[in-house]
Amino acid sequence: MNTINFCPLDYTMNLIGTKWKPLVLFHLLDGPLRSGILQKKVPGISNKMFTQTVRELEKDGLVIREVFPVVPPKVEYALSEKGISLKPILLSLDAWGAKEYQTTKG
């Protein structure tokens, strides 16, 4: 990494700055979820985007994917320690959104 031009916000946004990543991470704050349940908690996400999103989060070390050797296959996602470290940020974004939404509904 080029430290001369390093921008911490740019680094963070590259990890979590898509439409779906913060939502997936937020829904994992309360603990691990099975793949199908997690996807249902993110309204509007397609199967393709869900798969791409969780794969990127796993690759970046924010999410842990566990596959259980059962039939039918059971896949569960959980936050890694690195993912858990985003909790205050995600909760702040949620609180800001709730406040802003109430303000606009005035």
PDB file of N, CA and C in Angstrom:
ATOM      1  N   MET A   1       0.848  -1.183   0.000  1.00  0.00           N
ATOM      2  CA  MET A   1       0.000   0.000   0.000  1.00  0.00           C
ATOM      3  C   MET A   1       0.887   1.238   0.000  1.00  0.00           C
ATOM      4  N   ASN A   2       0.510   2.191  -0.791  1.00  0.00           N
ATOM      5  CA  ASN A   2       1.248   3.444  -0.876  1.00  0.00           C
ATOM      6  C   ASN A   2       0.819   4.325   0.301  1.00  0.00           C
ATOM      7  N   THR A   3       1.668   4.451   1.323  1.00  0.00           N
ATOM      8  CA  THR A   3       1.312   5.216   2.513  1.00  0.00           C
ATOM      9  C   THR A   3       1.341   6.721   2.297  1.00  0.00           C
ATOM     10  N   ILE A   4       1.999   7.160   1.244  1.00  0.00           N
ATOM     11  CA  ILE A   4       2.048   8.593   0.968  1.00  0.00           C
ATOM     12  C   ILE A   4       0.647   9.122   0.652  1.00  0.00           C
ATOM     13  N   ASN A   5      -0.122   8.366  -0.114  1.00  0.00           N
ATOM     14  CA  ASN A   5      -1.460   8.789  -0.508  1.00  0.00           C
ATOM     15  C   ASN A   5      -2.551   8.036   0.244  1.00  0.00           C
ATOM     16  N   PHE A   6      -2.214   7.417   1.367  1.00  0.00           N
ATOM     17  CA  PHE A   6      -3.184   6.625   2.118  1.00  0.00           C
ATOM     18  C   PHE A   6      -4.258   7.502   2.738  1.00  0.00           C
ATOM     19  N   CYS A   7      -5.507   7.125   2.518  1.00  0.00           N
ATOM     20  CA  CYS A   7      -6.645   7.835   3.097  1.00  0.00           C
ATOM     21  C   CYS A   7      -7.469   6.816   3.886  1.00  0.00           C
ATOM     22  N   PRO A   8      -7.543   6.940   5.205  1.00  0.00           N
ATOM     23  CA  PRO A   8      -8.281   5.974   6.010  1.00  0.00           C
ATOM     24  C   PRO A   8      -9.752   5.836   5.617  1.00  0.00           C
ATOM     25  N   LEU A   9     -10.395   6.948   5.276  1.00  0.00           N
ATOM     26  CA  LEU A   9     -11.802   6.868   4.880  1.00  0.00           C
ATOM     27  C   LEU A   9     -11.960   6.104   3.574  1.00  0.00           C
ATOM     28  N   ASP A  10     -11.057   6.324   2.634  1.00  0.00           N
ATOM     29  CA  ASP A  10     -11.086   5.588   1.373  1.00  0.00           C
ATOM     30  C   ASP A  10     -10.933   4.093   1.631  1.00  0.00           C
ATOM     31  N   TYR A  11     -10.016   3.729   2.517  1.00  0.00           N
ATOM     32  CA  TYR A  11      -9.805   2.324   2.876  1.00  0.00           C
ATOM     33  C   TYR A  11     -11.091   1.729   3.447  1.00  0.00           C
ATOM     34  N   THR A  12     -11.720   2.447   4.383  1.00  0.00           N
ATOM     35  CA  THR A  12     -12.944   1.962   5.021  1.00  0.00           C
ATOM     36  C   THR A  12     -14.065   1.821   4.005  1.00  0.00           C
ATOM     37  N   MET A  13     -14.237   2.822   3.162  1.00  0.00           N
ATOM     38  CA  MET A  13     -15.316   2.775   2.181  1.00  0.00           C
ATOM     39  C   MET A  13     -15.115   1.655   1.167  1.00  0.00           C
ATOM     40  N   ASN A  14     -13.879   1.322   0.871  1.00  0.00           N
ATOM     41  CA  ASN A  14     -13.621   0.186  -0.014  1.00  0.00           C
ATOM     42  C   ASN A  14     -14.067  -1.126   0.635  1.00  0.00           C
ATOM     43  N   LEU A  15     -14.019  -1.197   1.952  1.00  0.00           N
ATOM     44  CA  LEU A  15     -14.450  -2.407   2.649  1.00  0.00           C
ATOM     45  C   LEU A  15     -15.961  -2.479   2.818  1.00  0.00           C
ATOM     46  N   ILE A  16     -16.597  -1.368   3.154  1.00  0.00           N
ATOM     47  CA  ILE A  16     -18.025  -1.419   3.500  1.00  0.00           C
ATOM     48  C   ILE A  16     -18.904  -0.496   2.667  1.00  0.00           C
ATOM     49  N   GLY A  17     -18.359   0.155   1.661  1.00  0.00           N
ATOM     50  CA  GLY A  17     -19.065   1.234   1.000  1.00  0.00           C
ATOM     51  C   GLY A  17     -19.940   0.877  -0.179  1.00  0.00           C
ATOM     52  N   THR A  18     -20.574  -0.282  -0.171  1.00  0.00           N
ATOM     53  CA  THR A  18     -21.565  -0.558  -1.204  1.00  0.00           C
ATOM     54  C   THR A  18     -22.951  -0.440  -0.591  1.00  0.00           C
ATOM     55  N   LYS A  19     -23.951  -0.566  -1.403  1.00  0.00           N
ATOM     56  CA  LYS A  19     -25.322  -0.472  -0.910  1.00  0.00           C
ATOM     57  C   LYS A  19     -25.638  -1.583   0.084  1.00  0.00           C
ATOM     58  N   TRP A  20     -25.123  -2.778  -0.154  1.00  0.00           N
ATOM     59  CA  TRP A  20     -25.551  -3.953   0.609  1.00  0.00           C
ATOM     60  C   TRP A  20     -24.656  -4.307   1.787  1.00  0.00           C
ATOM     61  N   LYS A  21     -23.380  -4.026   1.720  1.00  0.00           N
ATOM     62  CA  LYS A  21     -22.455  -4.476   2.770  1.00  0.00           C
ATOM     63  C   LYS A  21     -22.833  -3.980   4.162  1.00  0.00           C
ATOM     64  N   PRO A  22     -23.116  -2.696   4.356  1.00  0.00           N
ATOM     65  CA  PRO A  22     -23.477  -2.260   5.707  1.00  0.00           C
ATOM     66  C   PRO A  22     -24.746  -2.924   6.225  1.00  0.00           C
ATOM     67  N   LEU A  23     -25.686  -3.214   5.339  1.00  0.00           N
ATOM     68  CA  LEU A  23     -26.927  -3.875   5.761  1.00  0.00           C
ATOM     69  C   LEU A  23     -26.666  -5.302   6.222  1.00  0.00           C
ATOM     70  N   VAL A  24     -25.853  -6.032   5.467  1.00  0.00           N
ATOM     71  CA  VAL A  24     -25.505  -7.405   5.856  1.00  0.00           C
ATOM     72  C   VAL A  24     -24.770  -7.380   7.197  1.00  0.00           C
ATOM     73  N   LEU A  25     -23.790  -6.501   7.329  1.00  0.00           N
ATOM     74  CA  LEU A  25     -23.035  -6.407   8.581  1.00  0.00           C
ATOM     75  C   LEU A  25     -23.948  -6.034   9.747  1.00  0.00           C
ATOM     76  N   PHE A  26     -24.848  -5.081   9.532  1.00  0.00           N
ATOM     77  CA  PHE A  26     -25.760  -4.639  10.586  1.00  0.00           C
ATOM     78  C   PHE A  26     -26.621  -5.797  11.095  1.00  0.00           C
ATOM     79  N   HIS A  27     -27.124  -6.608  10.195  1.00  0.00           N
ATOM     80  CA  HIS A  27     -27.996  -7.713  10.595  1.00  0.00           C
ATOM     81  C   HIS A  27     -27.240  -8.845  11.282  1.00  0.00           C
ATOM     82  N   LEU A  28     -25.935  -8.841  11.171  1.00  0.00           N
ATOM     83  CA  LEU A  28     -25.129  -9.851  11.870  1.00  0.00           C
ATOM     84  C   LEU A  28     -24.665  -9.370  13.249  1.00  0.00           C
ATOM     85  N   LEU A  29     -25.000  -8.139  13.620  1.00  0.00           N
ATOM     86  CA  LEU A  29     -24.565  -7.608  14.917  1.00  0.00           C
ATOM     87  C   LEU A  29     -25.106  -8.425  16.097  1.00  0.00           C
ATOM     88  N   ASP A  30     -26.284  -9.000  15.945  1.00  0.00           N
ATOM     89  CA  ASP A  30     -26.887  -9.766  17.033  1.00  0.00           C
ATOM     90  C   ASP A  30     -26.437 -11.219  17.075  1.00  0.00           C
ATOM     91  N   GLY A  31     -25.625 -11.622  16.117  1.00  0.00           N
ATOM     92  CA  GLY A  31     -25.111 -12.991  16.130  1.00  0.00           C
ATOM     93  C   GLY A  31     -25.220 -13.649  14.769  1.00  0.00           C
ATOM     94  N   PRO A  32     -24.701 -14.876  14.678  1.00  0.00           N
ATOM     95  CA  PRO A  32     -24.684 -15.606  13.405  1.00  0.00           C
ATOM     96  C   PRO A  32     -26.097 -15.849  12.872  1.00  0.00           C
ATOM     97  N   LEU A  33     -26.187 -15.871  11.544  1.00  0.00           N
ATOM     98  CA  LEU A  33     -27.454 -16.157  10.887  1.00  0.00           C
ATOM     99  C   LEU A  33     -27.224 -17.119   9.733  1.00  0.00           C
ATOM    100  N   ARG A  34     -28.217 -17.981   9.518  1.00  0.00           N
ATOM    101  CA  ARG A  34     -28.171 -18.845   8.349  1.00  0.00           C
ATOM    102  C   ARG A  34     -28.310 -17.983   7.106  1.00  0.00           C
ATOM    103  N   SER A  35     -27.755 -18.477   6.031  1.00  0.00           N
ATOM    104  CA  SER A  35     -27.704 -17.735   4.779  1.00  0.00           C
ATOM    105  C   SER A  35     -29.083 -17.236   4.339  1.00  0.00           C
ATOM    106  N   GLY A  36     -30.066 -18.118   4.302  1.00  0.00           N
ATOM    107  CA  GLY A  36     -31.398 -17.735   3.840  1.00  0.00           C
ATOM    108  C   GLY A  36     -32.058 -16.696   4.723  1.00  0.00           C
ATOM    109  N   ILE A  37     -31.877 -16.809   6.021  1.00  0.00           N
ATOM    110  CA  ILE A  37     -32.457 -15.847   6.965  1.00  0.00           C
ATOM    111  C   ILE A  37     -31.794 -14.485   6.789  1.00  0.00           C
ATOM    112  N   LEU A  38     -30.468 -14.483   6.673  1.00  0.00           N
ATOM    113  CA  LEU A  38     -29.739 -13.227   6.484  1.00  0.00           C
ATOM    114  C   LEU A  38     -30.191 -12.541   5.202  1.00  0.00           C
ATOM    115  N   GLN A  39     -30.320 -13.302   4.126  1.00  0.00           N
ATOM    116  CA  GLN A  39     -30.724 -12.704   2.857  1.00  0.00           C
ATOM    117  C   GLN A  39     -32.125 -12.101   2.962  1.00  0.00           C
ATOM    118  N   LYS A  40     -33.028 -12.749   3.672  1.00  0.00           N
ATOM    119  CA  LYS A  40     -34.392 -12.227   3.833  1.00  0.00           C
ATOM    120  C   LYS A  40     -34.425 -10.933   4.649  1.00  0.00           C
ATOM    121  N   LYS A  41     -33.444 -10.727   5.511  1.00  0.00           N
ATOM    122  CA  LYS A  41     -33.388  -9.513   6.322  1.00  0.00           C
ATOM    123  C   LYS A  41     -32.914  -8.295   5.520  1.00  0.00           C
ATOM    124  N   VAL A  42     -32.392  -8.536   4.331  1.00  0.00           N
ATOM    125  CA  VAL A  42     -31.897  -7.453   3.475  1.00  0.00           C
ATOM    126  C   VAL A  42     -32.873  -7.301   2.303  1.00  0.00           C
ATOM    127  N   PRO A  43     -33.879  -6.455   2.463  1.00  0.00           N
ATOM    128  CA  PRO A  43     -34.908  -6.351   1.426  1.00  0.00           C
ATOM    129  C   PRO A  43     -34.358  -5.834   0.098  1.00  0.00           C
ATOM    130  N   GLY A  44     -34.774  -6.504  -0.962  1.00  0.00           N
ATOM    131  CA  GLY A  44     -34.401  -6.056  -2.296  1.00  0.00           C
ATOM    132  C   GLY A  44     -33.119  -6.630  -2.855  1.00  0.00           C
ATOM    133  N   ILE A  45     -32.361  -7.363  -2.055  1.00  0.00           N
ATOM    134  CA  ILE A  45     -31.097  -7.910  -2.552  1.00  0.00           C
ATOM    135  C   ILE A  45     -31.381  -9.187  -3.349  1.00  0.00           C
ATOM    136  N   SER A  46     -30.771  -9.289  -4.517  1.00  0.00           N
ATOM    137  CA  SER A  46     -30.937 -10.492  -5.342  1.00  0.00           C
ATOM    138  C   SER A  46     -30.004 -11.584  -4.837  1.00  0.00           C
ATOM    139  N   ASN A  47     -30.265 -12.815  -5.270  1.00  0.00           N
ATOM    140  CA  ASN A  47     -29.381 -13.931  -4.893  1.00  0.00           C
ATOM    141  C   ASN A  47     -27.948 -13.659  -5.324  1.00  0.00           C
ATOM    142  N   LYS A  48     -27.794 -13.150  -6.552  1.00  0.00           N
ATOM    143  CA  LYS A  48     -26.460 -12.878  -7.083  1.00  0.00           C
ATOM    144  C   LYS A  48     -25.736 -11.828  -6.240  1.00  0.00           C
ATOM    145  N   MET A  49     -26.432 -10.736  -5.917  1.00  0.00           N
ATOM    146  CA  MET A  49     -25.798  -9.669  -5.130  1.00  0.00           C
ATOM    147  C   MET A  49     -25.512 -10.125  -3.702  1.00  0.00           C
ATOM    148  N   PHE A  50     -26.407 -10.926  -3.135  1.00  0.00           N
ATOM    149  CA  PHE A  50     -26.163 -11.443  -1.784  1.00  0.00           C
ATOM    150  C   PHE A  50     -24.894 -12.288  -1.769  1.00  0.00           C
ATOM    151  N   THR A  51     -24.794 -13.203  -2.719  1.00  0.00           N
ATOM    152  CA  THR A  51     -23.619 -14.075  -2.794  1.00  0.00           C
ATOM    153  C   THR A  51     -22.350 -13.253  -2.998  1.00  0.00           C
ATOM    154  N   GLN A  52     -22.390 -12.290  -3.906  1.00  0.00           N
ATOM    155  CA  GLN A  52     -21.221 -11.442  -4.166  1.00  0.00           C
ATOM    156  C   GLN A  52     -20.846 -10.644  -2.916  1.00  0.00           C
ATOM    157  N   THR A  53     -21.843 -10.108  -2.239  1.00  0.00           N
ATOM    158  CA  THR A  53     -21.597  -9.278  -1.056  1.00  0.00           C
ATOM    159  C   THR A  53     -20.960 -10.080   0.068  1.00  0.00           C
ATOM    160  N   VAL A  54     -21.528 -11.235   0.398  1.00  0.00           N
ATOM    161  CA  VAL A  54     -20.964 -12.013   1.513  1.00  0.00           C
ATOM    162  C   VAL A  54     -19.591 -12.567   1.155  1.00  0.00           C
ATOM    163  N   ARG A  55     -19.367 -12.873  -0.102  1.00  0.00           N
ATOM    164  CA  ARG A  55     -18.036 -13.343  -0.515  1.00  0.00           C
ATOM    165  C   ARG A  55     -16.988 -12.242  -0.346  1.00  0.00           C
ATOM    166  N   GLU A  56     -17.358 -11.012  -0.728  1.00  0.00           N
ATOM    167  CA  GLU A  56     -16.424  -9.888  -0.569  1.00  0.00           C
ATOM    168  C   GLU A  56     -16.172  -9.603   0.912  1.00  0.00           C
ATOM    169  N   LEU A  57     -17.214  -9.649   1.722  1.00  0.00           N
ATOM    170  CA  LEU A  57     -17.053  -9.417   3.161  1.00  0.00           C
ATOM    171  C   LEU A  57     -16.182 -10.504   3.791  1.00  0.00           C
ATOM    172  N   GLU A  58     -16.348 -11.721   3.328  1.00  0.00           N
ATOM    173  CA  GLU A  58     -15.510 -12.821   3.826  1.00  0.00           C
ATOM    174  C   GLU A  58     -14.060 -12.635   3.383  1.00  0.00           C
ATOM    175  N   LYS A  59     -13.866 -12.283   2.116  1.00  0.00           N
ATOM    176  CA  LYS A  59     -12.515 -12.066   1.581  1.00  0.00           C
ATOM    177  C   LYS A  59     -11.796 -10.958   2.338  1.00  0.00           C
ATOM    178  N   ASP A  60     -12.543  -9.926   2.722  1.00  0.00           N
ATOM    179  CA  ASP A  60     -11.956  -8.790   3.429  1.00  0.00           C
ATOM    180  C   ASP A  60     -11.842  -9.025   4.936  1.00  0.00           C
ATOM    181  N   GLY A  61     -12.236 -10.201   5.392  1.00  0.00           N
ATOM    182  CA  GLY A  61     -12.057 -10.552   6.797  1.00  0.00           C
ATOM    183  C   GLY A  61     -13.085  -9.959   7.745  1.00  0.00           C
ATOM    184  N   LEU A  62     -14.226  -9.514   7.221  1.00  0.00           N
ATOM    185  CA  LEU A  62     -15.256  -8.925   8.076  1.00  0.00           C
ATOM    186  C   LEU A  62     -16.309  -9.941   8.505  1.00  0.00           C
ATOM    187  N   VAL A  63     -16.454 -10.993   7.706  1.00  0.00           N
ATOM    188  CA  VAL A  63     -17.468 -12.015   7.957  1.00  0.00           C
ATOM    189  C   VAL A  63     -16.815 -13.390   7.904  1.00  0.00           C
ATOM    190  N   ILE A  64     -17.313 -14.272   8.734  1.00  0.00           N
ATOM    191  CA  ILE A  64     -16.863 -15.667   8.741  1.00  0.00           C
ATOM    192  C   ILE A  64     -18.006 -16.518   8.206  1.00  0.00           C
ATOM    193  N   ARG A  65     -17.705 -17.363   7.264  1.00  0.00           N
ATOM    194  CA  ARG A  65     -18.687 -18.273   6.672  1.00  0.00           C
ATOM    195  C   ARG A  65     -18.407 -19.674   7.182  1.00  0.00           C
ATOM    196  N   GLU A  66     -19.427 -20.299   7.745  1.00  0.00           N
ATOM    197  CA  GLU A  66     -19.267 -21.670   8.242  1.00  0.00           C
ATOM    198  C   GLU A  66     -20.250 -22.572   7.510  1.00  0.00           C
ATOM    199  N   VAL A  67     -19.721 -23.646   6.937  1.00  0.00           N
ATOM    200  CA  VAL A  67     -20.542 -24.618   6.222  1.00  0.00           C
ATOM    201  C   VAL A  67     -20.637 -25.867   7.088  1.00  0.00           C
ATOM    202  N   PHE A  68     -21.865 -26.294   7.359  1.00  0.00           N
ATOM    203  CA  PHE A  68     -22.093 -27.479   8.171  1.00  0.00           C
ATOM    204  C   PHE A  68     -22.307 -28.675   7.245  1.00  0.00           C
ATOM    205  N   PRO A  69     -21.672 -29.810   7.560  1.00  0.00           N
ATOM    206  CA  PRO A  69     -21.762 -30.991   6.686  1.00  0.00           C
ATOM    207  C   PRO A  69     -23.072 -31.755   6.895  1.00  0.00           C
ATOM    208  N   VAL A  70     -24.160 -31.146   6.473  1.00  0.00           N
ATOM    209  CA  VAL A  70     -25.474 -31.783   6.583  1.00  0.00           C
ATOM    210  C   VAL A  70     -26.186 -31.685   5.242  1.00  0.00           C
ATOM    211  N   VAL A  71     -27.248 -32.484   5.110  1.00  0.00           N
ATOM    212  CA  VAL A  71     -28.072 -32.433   3.914  1.00  0.00           C
ATOM    213  C   VAL A  71     -29.465 -32.028   4.340  1.00  0.00           C
ATOM    214  N   PRO A  72     -30.049 -30.968   3.783  1.00  0.00           N
ATOM    215  CA  PRO A  72     -29.462 -30.047   2.810  1.00  0.00           C
ATOM    216  C   PRO A  72     -28.361 -29.202   3.455  1.00  0.00           C
ATOM    217  N   PRO A  73     -27.493 -28.630   2.632  1.00  0.00           N
ATOM    218  CA  PRO A  73     -26.371 -27.853   3.167  1.00  0.00           C
ATOM    219  C   PRO A  73     -26.847 -26.697   4.043  1.00  0.00           C
ATOM    220  N   LYS A  74     -26.123 -26.474   5.129  1.00  0.00           N
ATOM    221  CA  LYS A  74     -26.413 -25.357   6.031  1.00  0.00           C
ATOM    222  C   LYS A  74     -25.194 -24.447   6.042  1.00  0.00           C
ATOM    223  N   VAL A  75     -25.417 -23.178   5.702  1.00  0.00           N
ATOM    224  CA  VAL A  75     -24.351 -22.186   5.704  1.00  0.00           C
ATOM    225  C   VAL A  75     -24.757 -21.086   6.668  1.00  0.00           C
ATOM    226  N   GLU A  76     -23.813 -20.697   7.511  1.00  0.00           N
ATOM    227  CA  GLU A  76     -24.072 -19.670   8.509  1.00  0.00           C
ATOM    228  C   GLU A  76     -22.996 -18.591   8.402  1.00  0.00           C
ATOM    229  N   TYR A  77     -23.425 -17.346   8.588  1.00  0.00           N
ATOM    230  CA  TYR A  77     -22.503 -16.220   8.548  1.00  0.00           C
ATOM    231  C   TYR A  77     -22.457 -15.549   9.910  1.00  0.00           C
ATOM    232  N   ALA A  78     -21.267 -15.092  10.287  1.00  0.00           N
ATOM    233  CA  ALA A  78     -21.077 -14.377  11.543  1.00  0.00           C
ATOM    234  C   ALA A  78     -20.026 -13.296  11.318  1.00  0.00           C
ATOM    235  N   LEU A  79     -20.054 -12.293  12.169  1.00  0.00           N
ATOM    236  CA  LEU A  79     -19.029 -11.262  12.105  1.00  0.00           C
ATOM    237  C   LEU A  79     -17.722 -11.791  12.675  1.00  0.00           C
ATOM    238  N   SER A  80     -16.630 -11.442  12.044  1.00  0.00           N
ATOM    239  CA  SER A  80     -15.305 -11.729  12.592  1.00  0.00           C
ATOM    240  C   SER A  80     -15.006 -10.650  13.641  1.00  0.00           C
ATOM    241  N   GLU A  81     -13.873 -10.759  14.299  1.00  0.00           N
ATOM    242  CA  GLU A  81     -13.474  -9.696  15.242  1.00  0.00           C
ATOM    243  C   GLU A  81     -13.368  -8.359  14.524  1.00  0.00           C
ATOM    244  N   LYS A  82     -12.820  -8.390  13.327  1.00  0.00           N
ATOM    245  CA  LYS A  82     -12.704  -7.168  12.526  1.00  0.00           C
ATOM    246  C   LYS A  82     -14.093  -6.617  12.196  1.00  0.00           C
ATOM    247  N   GLY A  83     -15.028  -7.495  11.872  1.00  0.00           N
ATOM    248  CA  GLY A  83     -16.395  -7.071  11.597  1.00  0.00           C
ATOM    249  C   GLY A  83     -17.080  -6.505  12.828  1.00  0.00           C
ATOM    250  N   ILE A  84     -16.857  -7.136  13.972  1.00  0.00           N
ATOM    251  CA  ILE A  84     -17.443  -6.666  15.231  1.00  0.00           C
ATOM    252  C   ILE A  84     -16.935  -5.267  15.570  1.00  0.00           C
ATOM    253  N   SER A  85     -15.703  -4.967  15.169  1.00  0.00           N
ATOM    254  CA  SER A  85     -15.138  -3.646  15.463  1.00  0.00           C
ATOM    255  C   SER A  85     -15.895  -2.526  14.744  1.00  0.00           C
ATOM    256  N   LEU A  86     -16.713  -2.867  13.757  1.00  0.00           N
ATOM    257  CA  LEU A  86     -17.520  -1.879  13.042  1.00  0.00           C
ATOM    258  C   LEU A  86     -18.842  -1.573  13.753  1.00  0.00           C
ATOM    259  N   LYS A  87     -19.126  -2.279  14.839  1.00  0.00           N
ATOM    260  CA  LYS A  87     -20.413  -2.129  15.521  1.00  0.00           C
ATOM    261  C   LYS A  87     -20.754  -0.678  15.862  1.00  0.00           C
ATOM    262  N   PRO A  88     -19.855   0.090  16.488  1.00  0.00           N
ATOM    263  CA  PRO A  88     -20.216   1.468  16.816  1.00  0.00           C
ATOM    264  C   PRO A  88     -20.546   2.310  15.576  1.00  0.00           C
ATOM    265  N   ILE A  89     -19.845   2.058  14.491  1.00  0.00           N
ATOM    266  CA  ILE A  89     -20.087   2.805  13.256  1.00  0.00           C
ATOM    267  C   ILE A  89     -21.462   2.452  12.693  1.00  0.00           C
ATOM    268  N   LEU A  90     -21.767   1.154  12.641  1.00  0.00           N
ATOM    269  CA  LEU A  90     -23.049   0.710  12.098  1.00  0.00           C
ATOM    270  C   LEU A  90     -24.211   1.198  12.958  1.00  0.00           C
ATOM    271  N   LEU A  91     -24.052   1.146  14.274  1.00  0.00           N
ATOM    272  CA  LEU A  91     -25.114   1.622  15.164  1.00  0.00           C
ATOM    273  C   LEU A  91     -25.297   3.135  15.035  1.00  0.00           C
ATOM    274  N   SER A  92     -24.207   3.863  14.848  1.00  0.00           N
ATOM    275  CA  SER A  92     -24.296   5.312  14.643  1.00  0.00           C
ATOM    276  C   SER A  92     -25.024   5.642  13.345  1.00  0.00           C
ATOM    277  N   LEU A  93     -24.714   4.916  12.284  1.00  0.00           N
ATOM    278  CA  LEU A  93     -25.402   5.131  11.016  1.00  0.00           C
ATOM    279  C   LEU A  93     -26.893   4.833  11.154  1.00  0.00           C
ATOM    280  N   ASP A  94     -27.226   3.767  11.865  1.00  0.00           N
ATOM    281  CA  ASP A  94     -28.625   3.401  12.092  1.00  0.00           C
ATOM    282  C   ASP A  94     -29.342   4.491  12.884  1.00  0.00           C
ATOM    283  N   ALA A  95     -28.722   4.972  13.951  1.00  0.00           N
ATOM    284  CA  ALA A  95     -29.331   6.018  14.784  1.00  0.00           C
ATOM    285  C   ALA A  95     -29.499   7.310  13.991  1.00  0.00           C
ATOM    286  N   TRP A  96     -28.491   7.664  13.199  1.00  0.00           N
ATOM    287  CA  TRP A  96     -28.588   8.871  12.388  1.00  0.00           C
ATOM    288  C   TRP A  96     -29.743   8.750  11.402  1.00  0.00           C
ATOM    289  N   GLY A  97     -29.858   7.584  10.748  1.00  0.00           N
ATOM    290  CA  GLY A  97     -30.933   7.360   9.788  1.00  0.00           C
ATOM    291  C   GLY A  97     -32.298   7.444  10.434  1.00  0.00           C
ATOM    292  N   ALA A  98     -32.438   6.877  11.637  1.00  0.00           N
ATOM    293  CA  ALA A  98     -33.713   6.928  12.341  1.00  0.00           C
ATOM    294  C   ALA A  98     -34.083   8.368  12.684  1.00  0.00           C
ATOM    295  N   LYS A  99     -33.097   9.131  13.178  1.00  0.00           N
ATOM    296  CA  LYS A  99     -33.341  10.526  13.540  1.00  0.00           C
ATOM    297  C   LYS A  99     -33.690  11.357  12.311  1.00  0.00           C
ATOM    298  N   GLU A 100     -32.921  11.197  11.265  1.00  0.00           N
ATOM    299  CA  GLU A 100     -33.140  11.941  10.022  1.00  0.00           C
ATOM    300  C   GLU A 100     -34.498  11.607   9.424  1.00  0.00           C
ATOM    301  N   TYR A 101     -34.863  10.331   9.448  1.00  0.00           N
ATOM    302  CA  TYR A 101     -36.155   9.897   8.917  1.00  0.00           C
ATOM    303  C   TYR A 101     -37.291  10.575   9.680  1.00  0.00           C
ATOM    304  N   GLN A 102     -37.176  10.612  11.016  1.00  0.00           N
ATOM    305  CA  GLN A 102     -38.208  11.259  11.829  1.00  0.00           C
ATOM    306  C   GLN A 102     -38.283  12.762  11.549  1.00  0.00           C
ATOM    307  N   THR A 103     -37.121  13.370  11.325  1.00  0.00           N
ATOM    308  CA  THR A 103     -37.073  14.806  11.025  1.00  0.00           C
ATOM    309  C   THR A 103     -37.790  15.119   9.720  1.00  0.00           C
ATOM    310  N   THR A 104     -37.563  14.283   8.722  1.00  0.00           N
ATOM    311  CA  THR A 104     -38.182  14.533   7.420  1.00  0.00           C
ATOM    312  C   THR A 104     -39.670  14.217   7.415  1.00  0.00           C
ATOM    313  N   LYS A 105     -40.106  13.346   8.329  1.00  0.00           N
ATOM    314  CA  LYS A 105     -41.526  12.998   8.423  1.00  0.00           C
ATOM    315  C   LYS A 105     -42.285  14.039   9.259  1.00  0.00           C
ATOM    316  N   GLY A 106     -41.510  14.839  10.043  1.00  0.00           N
ATOM    317  CA  GLY A 106     -41.903  15.940  10.887  1.00  0.00           C
ATOM    318  C   GLY A 106     -43.297  16.055  11.239  1.00  0.00           C
TER     319      GLY A 106
END
